[in-house]
Every structure is written in structure tokens, then in C-alpha cells.
Protein backbone atom coordinates (compact mmCIF):
# COMPACT_ATOMS: atom_id res chain seq x y z
CA MET A 1 7.02 -2.16 10.31
CA SER A 2 6.75 -5.48 12.04
CA HIS A 3 5.05 -8.13 9.81
CA ASP A 4 4.72 -11.91 9.37
CA THR A 5 5.55 -13.36 6.00
CA LEU A 6 2.60 -15.65 4.62
CA VAL A 7 4.16 -16.57 1.28
CA SER A 8 7.29 -15.82 -0.52
CA VAL A 9 9.20 -16.41 -3.71
CA GLN A 10 13.05 -15.88 -4.67
CA ARG A 11 14.22 -14.77 -7.93
CA GLY A 12 18.00 -14.22 -8.09
CA ASN A 13 18.63 -11.70 -5.48
CA ASP A 14 15.02 -10.43 -5.36
CA ARG A 15 12.69 -11.82 -3.06
CA ALA A 16 8.96 -11.01 -3.15
CA ALA A 17 6.21 -11.86 -0.46
CA ILE A 18 2.71 -11.29 0.77
CA VAL A 19 2.99 -9.92 4.56
CA ARG A 20 0.39 -9.29 7.14
CA ASP A 21 1.28 -6.24 9.45
CA THR A 22 0.23 -6.00 13.02
CA ASP A 23 -3.05 -4.36 12.06
CA ALA A 24 -3.82 -7.35 9.84
CA ARG A 25 -3.42 -5.60 6.54
CA LEU A 26 -1.89 -7.58 3.73
CA TRP A 27 1.25 -6.07 1.54
CA LEU A 28 3.22 -7.08 -1.32
CA ALA A 29 6.89 -6.88 -0.05
CA HIS A 30 10.15 -6.87 -1.61
CA GLY A 31 13.71 -7.53 -0.46
CA HIS A 32 17.02 -8.38 -1.71
CA ARG A 33 18.09 -11.68 -0.04
CA SER A 34 16.63 -10.19 3.28
CA ALA A 35 13.60 -9.88 4.98
CA PRO A 36 11.04 -8.21 2.49
CA HIS A 37 9.91 -4.66 3.34
CA ALA A 38 6.08 -3.92 2.72
CA ILE A 39 5.69 -1.81 -0.29
CA SER A 40 2.28 -1.96 -1.85
CA ALA A 41 -1.01 -2.52 0.49
CA LEU A 42 -3.64 -4.97 -0.96
CA ASN A 43 -7.27 -4.12 -1.75
CA GLY A 44 -9.60 -7.04 -1.51
CA LEU A 45 -8.78 -9.63 -4.25
CA GLN A 46 -7.21 -6.97 -6.70
CA PRO A 47 -3.74 -8.01 -7.30
CA SER A 48 -0.87 -5.70 -6.59
CA GLN A 49 2.72 -5.48 -8.22
CA ILE A 50 6.09 -4.37 -7.96
CA GLY A 51 8.87 -4.39 -10.58
CA GLY A 52 12.17 -4.02 -12.06
CA GLN A 53 13.89 -3.72 -15.32
CA GLY A 54 12.14 -6.80 -17.15
CA TRP A 55 10.46 -8.42 -14.16
CA THR A 56 7.22 -7.84 -12.20
CA ALA A 57 6.31 -9.37 -8.93
CA VAL A 58 2.61 -9.80 -8.55
CA GLY A 59 0.64 -11.12 -5.61
CA GLY A 60 -2.61 -10.90 -3.59
CA ALA A 61 -5.12 -12.62 -1.37
CA LEU A 62 -6.66 -15.88 -2.49
CA PRO A 63 -10.33 -16.09 -3.34
CA ALA A 64 -12.55 -18.69 -1.84
CA ARG A 65 -12.16 -22.10 -3.48
CA ALA A 66 -9.08 -21.29 -5.47
CA CYS A 67 -5.97 -23.47 -4.71
CA THR A 68 -3.83 -22.59 -7.88
CA VAL A 69 -2.77 -19.08 -9.21
CA GLN A 70 -0.96 -18.38 -12.25
CA ALA A 71 0.20 -15.09 -13.96
CA ARG A 72 0.83 -14.47 -17.55
CA GLY A 73 4.09 -13.14 -18.58
CA SER A 74 4.58 -10.63 -21.49
CA ASP A 75 5.64 -13.73 -23.69
CA GLY A 76 1.91 -15.30 -23.03
CA THR A 77 3.55 -17.96 -20.87
CA TRP A 78 1.45 -18.74 -17.54
CA HIS A 79 3.71 -18.95 -14.33
CA ASP A 80 2.58 -20.80 -11.49
CA ALA A 81 2.50 -18.72 -8.20
CA ALA A 82 3.51 -19.85 -4.74
CA VAL A 83 0.39 -20.16 -2.51
CA ALA A 84 0.22 -20.34 1.23
CA ALA A 85 -1.92 -19.18 4.10
CA GLY A 86 -4.52 -17.62 1.88
CA ALA A 87 -2.01 -15.43 -0.19
CA TRP A 88 -0.08 -15.84 -3.36
CA VAL A 89 2.94 -14.40 -4.88
CA VAL A 90 4.80 -14.99 -8.49
CA PHE A 91 7.60 -13.33 -10.50
CA VAL A 92 6.75 -12.81 -14.22
CA ASP A 93 8.75 -11.66 -17.04
CA SER A 94 7.23 -8.17 -17.85
CA ASP A 95 8.21 -4.85 -19.30
CA ASP A 96 4.81 -3.10 -18.25
CA THR A 97 5.43 -2.09 -14.84
CA HIS A 98 2.28 0.13 -14.95
CA ARG A 99 -0.31 -2.64 -15.34
CA ALA A 100 -0.55 -5.83 -13.55
CA PRO A 101 -0.35 -9.06 -15.69
CA PRO A 102 -3.31 -11.02 -16.17
CA VAL A 103 -3.82 -13.51 -13.33
CA ARG A 104 -6.11 -16.56 -13.16
CA PHE A 105 -7.11 -18.55 -10.25
CA LEU A 106 -8.10 -22.32 -10.47
CA ASP A 107 -9.97 -24.67 -7.99
CA GLN A 108 -8.48 -28.04 -7.16
CA GLY A 109 -10.27 -29.58 -10.24
CA GLY A 110 -8.80 -27.13 -12.50
CA ALA A 111 -11.92 -24.85 -13.07
CA LEU A 112 -11.62 -21.20 -13.19
CA VAL A 113 -12.35 -19.38 -10.04
CA SER A 114 -13.77 -15.60 -10.24
CA ARG A 115 -12.29 -12.91 -8.18
CA ALA A 116 -15.20 -10.62 -8.96
CA ASP A 117 -16.71 -9.00 -5.80
CA ALA A 118 -20.14 -10.48 -5.33
CA GLY A 119 -21.45 -7.09 -4.21
CA ASP A 120 -20.30 -5.73 -7.51
CA LEU A 121 -21.48 -8.51 -9.75
CA ALA A 122 -25.11 -7.95 -8.01
CA THR A 123 -25.01 -4.38 -8.82
CA ALA A 124 -22.72 -3.87 -11.98
CA ARG A 125 -24.39 -3.03 -15.29
CA ARG A 126 -23.34 -4.86 -18.43
CA ILE A 127 -20.86 -2.80 -20.59
CA GLY A 128 -22.29 -2.64 -24.21
CA SER A 129 -20.09 -3.60 -27.30
CA ALA A 130 -19.69 -0.12 -28.44
CA GLU A 131 -18.59 1.04 -25.03
CA ALA A 132 -16.46 -1.82 -24.45
CA HIS A 133 -14.68 -1.02 -28.03
CA SER A 134 -13.80 2.53 -26.89
CA PHE A 135 -12.03 1.30 -23.93
CA THR A 136 -9.65 -0.99 -26.02
CA ARG A 137 -9.18 2.22 -28.27
CA LEU A 138 -7.91 3.86 -24.97
CA GLY A 139 -5.25 1.20 -24.60
CA SER A 140 -7.03 -0.51 -21.76
CA SER A 141 -6.72 -4.36 -21.49
CA VAL A 142 -10.67 -4.55 -20.77
CA GLY A 143 -13.15 -4.12 -23.47
CA GLY A 144 -12.02 -6.77 -25.97
CA GLU A 145 -11.61 -10.46 -25.39
CA CYS A 146 -10.82 -11.02 -21.71
CA PRO A 147 -6.88 -11.84 -21.31
CA VAL A 148 -7.88 -14.42 -18.68
CA CYS A 149 -10.85 -16.34 -19.53
CA GLY A 150 -11.41 -15.35 -23.39
CA ARG A 151 -14.92 -13.89 -22.79
CA ARG A 152 -16.38 -10.52 -23.59
CA ASP A 153 -18.61 -10.09 -20.43
CA TRP A 154 -17.77 -6.76 -19.32
CA ARG A 155 -19.24 -5.11 -16.25
CA GLY A 156 -19.25 -1.82 -14.72
CA ALA A 157 -19.41 -0.89 -10.98
CA SER A 158 -19.20 2.18 -9.03
CA SER A 159 -15.56 2.74 -8.08
CA PRO A 160 -14.66 2.73 -4.38
CA ALA A 161 -13.89 6.49 -4.52
CA GLY A 162 -17.20 7.09 -6.44
CA LEU A 163 -15.55 8.51 -9.56
CA GLY A 164 -16.47 6.67 -12.59
CA GLU A 165 -16.66 2.96 -12.69
CA HIS A 166 -14.43 0.01 -12.03
CA VAL A 167 -14.66 -2.36 -15.13
CA PHE A 168 -14.25 -6.05 -14.80
CA CYS A 169 -14.92 -9.30 -16.47
CA GLY A 170 -18.17 -10.85 -15.37
CA VAL A 171 -16.94 -14.21 -15.65
CA CYS A 172 -13.60 -14.52 -14.04
CA GLY A 173 -13.41 -11.00 -12.42
CA TYR A 174 -10.23 -9.83 -14.24
CA SER A 175 -9.78 -6.03 -14.11
CA ASP A 176 -6.82 -3.87 -15.26
CA ASP A 177 -7.79 -1.81 -12.06
CA GLY A 178 -8.63 1.18 -14.39
CA VAL A 179 -11.58 3.72 -13.51
CA PHE A 180 -13.70 4.79 -16.49
CA GLY A 181 -15.86 7.76 -16.50
CA SER A 182 -18.45 8.27 -18.97
CA TRP A 183 -20.32 11.70 -19.21
CA GLN A 184 -23.21 12.35 -21.22
CA ALA A 185 -23.78 15.96 -22.67
CA THR A 186 -27.31 17.29 -22.18
CA ALA A 187 -28.72 20.51 -23.40
CA GLU A 188 -31.01 22.66 -21.46
CA GLN A 189 -34.29 23.36 -23.37
CA PRO A 190 -35.07 26.90 -23.19
CA THR A 191 -38.31 27.54 -21.46
CA ASP A 192 -41.09 30.00 -22.48
CA ASP A 193 -42.31 32.01 -19.69
CA ALA A 194 -44.15 34.31 -21.56
């Protein structure tokens, strides 16, 4: 696959990058001291990740107004991402290859920039505290205190596939990219036609 590299970082023999293919799609890519190979397609402003034993590379597209990006490693340290051409990428120490690390976006003055989709924000419902607590009991990183901004302003919007809801922070846009469904049992009342 032919592509242009927008931004890249090196860690030992591993190189991670955000690349754009000939159809203008963005990908998180990886290589060993060579040109990186596209691995994970990006979806809007949702970060993507790749990883190996003890490390994760995470990257994505840059939200408007953001000029600095930081990702938090397993030890709680925030790592600065390389940023260029509307994209960002960073290596962090992490043992969790199933969930992207928390990522924060900052403007030129150091203020938090939300990555929440404006359409989702406009149509999303607020998640109540009891429902949010149930997400944390399921092992999700949403529902409690937001790992990026510390707030508890969880929202639910229809997932792109139409199954369940995409849950995100209404302040900073953080999401663990999980989709949650809620089903409400209803009992049909018998009718008396006699």
C-alpha cells in the first residue's frame, strides 16, 4: 500500500506513524527501522493503538485548535506525542493492549480541547450516576471519574453501527471506545376481549 507519512516516532527498533493512503484515509502504522506498514485505520478523532510486550503506540487525527497531545502510560505519567500535519503519535509503557490509554488534547494556552463529536454532543443523552456506576462494575474506564479531565459528565450517543450507545465524556470527549447496550424488560399486559 502506497502512503505518505504525516508524523512518526521511534522507540528502539520500533517505529510508529500516522500515514495517509492514496484514498486519503489515515492509518496508524508500524515498522522495524523501516518504512511503517499501515495496520489500524483511524475513525474520526478516536485514537487507534498497536502494541507489543510492555508498550503501546497510540495515535490519531488532531482535533481543531489542539496543538499538544499527551497519552498516559500505565504508571500514570503523561507522555508528549509527536504532532505534525494534523496528526499525532506517541509510545507509552502499557500492558493493556486491549484498551487505548487516556489521551488529552491541549490548545496553545494549555487549555483542554474536547475531541467529542459536535453531532454526538448535540444528540447525546446524559448518563445517570446509577447507570454510570454499572459501567465501572463491568470494568470499563468510563462511568467513574474521567481519566483525562476528572469530571463525571458521561453521555451516550447511538453507536455508528446502531447497536447500543457510544459512551463518552461530555467535557473532554474521552471514550474507551466501548459500546454499551441497555435493555428494559417490559411485560405485556393481558387483554380481556370478553
